[in-house]
């Protein structure tokens, strides 16, 4: 019988160097409104999985979809304005 200790070694072998860098954390922080809006949209869809959506459910989904699109648009506009130095188009 072989002990299964190598699994622990494989899990903990990637310790310190697998942490996200400061740049990656900054990107995640910048994208957080989009992530949260997508989670809200998923929550709205999950509520309706086991039943027929009511008018209130449909409104919640539409509202969440609009928020997700607005968050994505804001992120794109933020990236576009950051990539054009001096505001030149």
N, C-alpha and C. Protein backbone atom coordinates (compact mmCIF):
# COMPACT_ATOMS: atom_id res chain seq x y z
N UNK A 1 0.84 -1.17 0.00
CA UNK A 1 0.00 0.00 0.00
C UNK A 1 0.89 1.24 0.00
N UNK A 2 0.62 2.13 -0.92
CA UNK A 2 1.41 3.36 -1.04
C UNK A 2 0.67 4.52 -0.36
N UNK A 3 1.33 5.26 0.49
CA UNK A 3 0.68 6.43 1.10
C UNK A 3 0.51 7.54 0.07
N UNK A 4 -0.52 8.33 0.22
CA UNK A 4 -0.81 9.41 -0.73
C UNK A 4 -0.33 10.73 -0.12
N UNK A 5 0.95 10.85 0.06
CA UNK A 5 1.54 12.08 0.60
C UNK A 5 2.02 13.00 -0.51
N UNK A 6 2.17 12.50 -1.70
CA UNK A 6 2.66 13.34 -2.79
C UNK A 6 1.63 14.39 -3.19
N UNK A 7 0.36 14.15 -2.91
CA UNK A 7 -0.66 15.14 -3.24
C UNK A 7 -0.42 16.42 -2.45
N UNK A 8 -0.11 16.28 -1.17
CA UNK A 8 0.17 17.45 -0.34
C UNK A 8 1.38 18.21 -0.87
N UNK A 9 2.41 17.48 -1.28
CA UNK A 9 3.59 18.13 -1.83
C UNK A 9 3.25 18.89 -3.10
N UNK A 10 2.41 18.32 -3.94
CA UNK A 10 2.04 18.98 -5.19
C UNK A 10 1.20 20.23 -4.93
N UNK A 11 0.37 20.20 -3.91
CA UNK A 11 -0.47 21.35 -3.62
C UNK A 11 0.34 22.49 -3.03
N UNK A 12 1.24 22.19 -2.15
CA UNK A 12 2.01 23.24 -1.48
C UNK A 12 3.31 23.58 -2.19
N UNK A 13 3.61 22.92 -3.28
CA UNK A 13 4.87 23.17 -3.98
C UNK A 13 4.89 24.54 -4.65
N UNK A 14 3.73 25.08 -4.97
CA UNK A 14 3.66 26.35 -5.69
C UNK A 14 3.31 27.48 -4.74
N UNK A 15 4.05 27.67 -3.71
CA UNK A 15 3.73 28.62 -2.67
C UNK A 15 3.90 30.08 -3.04
N UNK A 16 5.06 30.62 -2.80
CA UNK A 16 5.25 32.06 -2.84
C UNK A 16 5.20 32.67 -4.24
N UNK A 17 5.80 32.03 -5.21
CA UNK A 17 5.88 32.65 -6.52
C UNK A 17 4.56 32.60 -7.30
N UNK A 18 3.54 31.96 -6.77
CA UNK A 18 2.25 31.89 -7.45
C UNK A 18 1.32 33.02 -7.04
N UNK A 19 1.75 33.89 -6.16
CA UNK A 19 0.93 35.03 -5.72
C UNK A 19 0.83 36.04 -6.86
N UNK A 20 -0.32 36.74 -6.95
CA UNK A 20 -0.45 37.75 -8.00
C UNK A 20 0.47 38.94 -7.73
N UNK A 21 0.93 39.53 -8.79
CA UNK A 21 1.80 40.70 -8.68
C UNK A 21 0.96 41.93 -8.36
N UNK A 22 1.62 43.02 -8.03
CA UNK A 22 0.91 44.27 -7.76
C UNK A 22 0.17 44.76 -9.00
N UNK A 23 0.76 44.57 -10.16
CA UNK A 23 0.11 44.99 -11.41
C UNK A 23 -1.16 44.18 -11.66
N UNK A 24 -1.09 42.88 -11.41
CA UNK A 24 -2.27 42.04 -11.59
C UNK A 24 -3.37 42.42 -10.60
N UNK A 25 -3.00 42.72 -9.37
CA UNK A 25 -3.99 43.15 -8.38
C UNK A 25 -4.61 44.49 -8.77
N UNK A 26 -3.84 45.38 -9.37
CA UNK A 26 -4.38 46.65 -9.84
C UNK A 26 -5.40 46.45 -10.95
N UNK A 27 -5.10 45.53 -11.85
CA UNK A 27 -6.04 45.23 -12.94
C UNK A 27 -7.33 44.64 -12.39
N UNK A 28 -7.22 43.74 -11.43
CA UNK A 28 -8.41 43.15 -10.81
C UNK A 28 -9.23 44.23 -10.12
N UNK A 29 -8.57 45.14 -9.43
CA UNK A 29 -9.26 46.23 -8.74
C UNK A 29 -9.98 47.13 -9.74
N UNK A 30 -9.34 47.41 -10.88
CA UNK A 30 -9.95 48.25 -11.91
C UNK A 30 -11.15 47.55 -12.54
N UNK A 31 -11.10 46.22 -12.67
CA UNK A 31 -12.19 45.47 -13.29
C UNK A 31 -13.27 45.03 -12.29
N UNK A 32 -13.11 45.35 -11.02
CA UNK A 32 -14.05 44.89 -10.00
C UNK A 32 -15.49 45.32 -10.25
N UNK A 33 -15.79 46.55 -10.72
CA UNK A 33 -17.19 46.89 -11.02
C UNK A 33 -17.81 45.97 -12.08
N UNK A 34 -17.02 45.58 -13.07
CA UNK A 34 -17.52 44.67 -14.11
C UNK A 34 -17.77 43.29 -13.51
N UNK A 35 -16.87 42.83 -12.68
CA UNK A 35 -17.02 41.52 -12.05
C UNK A 35 -18.27 41.49 -11.19
N UNK A 36 -18.46 42.52 -10.38
CA UNK A 36 -19.63 42.57 -9.50
C UNK A 36 -20.93 42.67 -10.29
N UNK A 37 -20.91 43.42 -11.38
CA UNK A 37 -22.11 43.53 -12.22
C UNK A 37 -22.42 42.19 -12.88
N UNK A 38 -21.41 41.47 -13.30
CA UNK A 38 -21.62 40.14 -13.89
C UNK A 38 -22.16 39.15 -12.85
N UNK A 39 -21.68 39.25 -11.62
CA UNK A 39 -22.19 38.39 -10.55
C UNK A 39 -23.66 38.69 -10.29
N UNK A 40 -24.02 39.97 -10.30
CA UNK A 40 -25.42 40.35 -10.10
C UNK A 40 -26.30 39.80 -11.23
N UNK A 41 -25.80 39.86 -12.45
CA UNK A 41 -26.55 39.31 -13.59
C UNK A 41 -26.71 37.81 -13.46
N UNK A 42 -25.64 37.12 -13.07
CA UNK A 42 -25.74 35.67 -12.86
C UNK A 42 -26.73 35.33 -11.75
N UNK A 43 -26.71 36.11 -10.67
CA UNK A 43 -27.67 35.89 -9.59
C UNK A 43 -29.11 36.04 -10.09
N UNK A 44 -29.33 37.04 -10.92
CA UNK A 44 -30.67 37.25 -11.45
C UNK A 44 -31.10 36.07 -12.32
N UNK A 45 -30.18 35.52 -13.09
CA UNK A 45 -30.52 34.36 -13.92
C UNK A 45 -30.70 33.10 -13.08
N UNK A 46 -29.88 32.93 -12.05
CA UNK A 46 -29.97 31.74 -11.21
C UNK A 46 -31.31 31.66 -10.50
N UNK A 47 -31.84 32.81 -10.10
CA UNK A 47 -33.13 32.82 -9.41
C UNK A 47 -34.23 32.22 -10.29
N UNK A 48 -34.11 32.38 -11.59
CA UNK A 48 -35.17 31.93 -12.50
C UNK A 48 -34.93 30.54 -13.08
N UNK A 49 -33.91 29.83 -12.63
CA UNK A 49 -33.61 28.53 -13.22
C UNK A 49 -34.69 27.49 -12.95
N UNK A 50 -35.27 27.50 -11.77
CA UNK A 50 -36.20 26.43 -11.40
C UNK A 50 -37.67 26.86 -11.47
N UNK A 51 -37.92 27.99 -12.11
CA UNK A 51 -39.31 28.45 -12.24
C UNK A 51 -39.44 29.33 -13.48
N UNK A 52 -40.67 29.59 -13.83
CA UNK A 52 -40.93 30.50 -14.93
C UNK A 52 -40.70 31.92 -14.44
N UNK A 53 -39.91 32.71 -15.16
CA UNK A 53 -39.63 34.07 -14.69
C UNK A 53 -40.89 34.93 -14.66
N UNK A 54 -41.04 35.66 -13.58
CA UNK A 54 -42.15 36.61 -13.47
C UNK A 54 -41.73 37.92 -14.10
N UNK A 55 -42.66 38.86 -14.16
CA UNK A 55 -42.33 40.17 -14.70
C UNK A 55 -41.26 40.85 -13.85
N UNK A 56 -41.34 40.65 -12.55
CA UNK A 56 -40.32 41.22 -11.65
C UNK A 56 -38.95 40.60 -11.92
N UNK A 57 -38.92 39.29 -12.16
CA UNK A 57 -37.66 38.62 -12.50
C UNK A 57 -37.09 39.17 -13.81
N UNK A 58 -37.97 39.35 -14.78
CA UNK A 58 -37.52 39.89 -16.07
C UNK A 58 -36.95 41.29 -15.92
N UNK A 59 -37.59 42.11 -15.09
CA UNK A 59 -37.07 43.45 -14.84
C UNK A 59 -35.72 43.40 -14.16
N UNK A 60 -35.58 42.50 -13.20
CA UNK A 60 -34.31 42.36 -12.48
C UNK A 60 -33.20 41.94 -13.44
N UNK A 61 -33.51 41.02 -14.35
CA UNK A 61 -32.51 40.57 -15.33
C UNK A 61 -32.14 41.71 -16.27
N UNK A 62 -33.15 42.44 -16.75
CA UNK A 62 -32.86 43.57 -17.65
C UNK A 62 -32.02 44.63 -16.95
N UNK A 63 -32.36 44.93 -15.70
CA UNK A 63 -31.62 45.93 -14.94
C UNK A 63 -30.18 45.48 -14.71
N UNK A 64 -30.01 44.21 -14.38
CA UNK A 64 -28.66 43.67 -14.15
C UNK A 64 -27.87 43.65 -15.45
N UNK A 65 -28.53 43.34 -16.55
CA UNK A 65 -27.84 43.34 -17.85
C UNK A 65 -27.39 44.75 -18.22
N UNK A 66 -28.25 45.75 -17.97
CA UNK A 66 -27.87 47.13 -18.25
C UNK A 66 -26.70 47.57 -17.39
N UNK A 67 -26.71 47.18 -16.11
CA UNK A 67 -25.59 47.53 -15.23
C UNK A 67 -24.29 46.87 -15.69
N UNK A 68 -24.39 45.63 -16.12
CA UNK A 68 -23.19 44.93 -16.59
C UNK A 68 -22.64 45.59 -17.85
N UNK A 69 -23.52 45.95 -18.77
CA UNK A 69 -23.06 46.63 -19.98
C UNK A 69 -22.50 48.00 -19.67
N UNK A 70 -23.12 48.73 -18.75
CA UNK A 70 -22.62 50.05 -18.36
C UNK A 70 -21.25 49.93 -17.70
N UNK A 71 -21.05 48.92 -16.88
CA UNK A 71 -19.76 48.73 -16.23
C UNK A 71 -18.69 48.39 -17.25
N UNK A 72 -19.03 47.56 -18.23
CA UNK A 72 -18.07 47.23 -19.28
C UNK A 72 -17.73 48.47 -20.12
N UNK A 73 -18.75 49.27 -20.44
CA UNK A 73 -18.52 50.48 -21.21
C UNK A 73 -17.64 51.47 -20.44
N UNK A 74 -17.90 51.61 -19.14
CA UNK A 74 -17.07 52.50 -18.32
C UNK A 74 -15.63 52.02 -18.28
N UNK A 75 -15.43 50.72 -18.18
CA UNK A 75 -14.07 50.18 -18.18
C UNK A 75 -13.39 50.42 -19.53
N UNK A 76 -14.11 50.20 -20.61
CA UNK A 76 -13.53 50.45 -21.93
C UNK A 76 -13.19 51.92 -22.12
N UNK A 77 -14.08 52.82 -21.68
CA UNK A 77 -13.80 54.25 -21.79
C UNK A 77 -12.61 54.65 -20.94
N UNK A 78 -12.50 54.04 -19.76
CA UNK A 78 -11.38 54.33 -18.88
C UNK A 78 -10.06 53.86 -19.52
N UNK A 79 -10.09 52.67 -20.13
CA UNK A 79 -8.90 52.16 -20.80
C UNK A 79 -8.54 53.00 -22.02
N UNK A 80 -9.55 53.43 -22.77
CA UNK A 80 -9.30 54.22 -23.97
C UNK A 80 -8.71 55.57 -23.60
N UNK A 81 -9.21 56.19 -22.55
CA UNK A 81 -8.69 57.50 -22.18
C UNK A 81 -7.29 57.39 -21.59
N UNK A 82 -6.99 56.26 -20.98
CA UNK A 82 -5.64 56.06 -20.42
C UNK A 82 -4.62 55.75 -21.50
N UNK A 83 -5.06 55.17 -22.61
CA UNK A 83 -4.12 54.77 -23.64
C UNK A 83 -3.79 55.88 -24.62
N UNK A 84 -4.60 56.95 -24.64
CA UNK A 84 -4.34 58.07 -25.55
C UNK A 84 -3.74 59.21 -24.74
N UNK A 85 -2.44 59.42 -24.85
CA UNK A 85 -1.81 60.49 -24.06
C UNK A 85 -2.21 61.88 -24.57
N UNK A 86 -2.45 62.78 -23.67
CA UNK A 86 -2.78 64.15 -24.03
C UNK A 86 -4.18 64.35 -24.52
N UNK A 87 -5.00 63.32 -24.51
CA UNK A 87 -6.40 63.44 -24.93
C UNK A 87 -6.57 63.54 -26.43
N UNK A 88 -5.53 63.27 -27.21
CA UNK A 88 -5.65 63.33 -28.66
C UNK A 88 -6.36 62.08 -29.18
N UNK A 89 -7.19 62.28 -30.16
CA UNK A 89 -7.94 61.15 -30.71
C UNK A 89 -7.37 60.72 -32.03
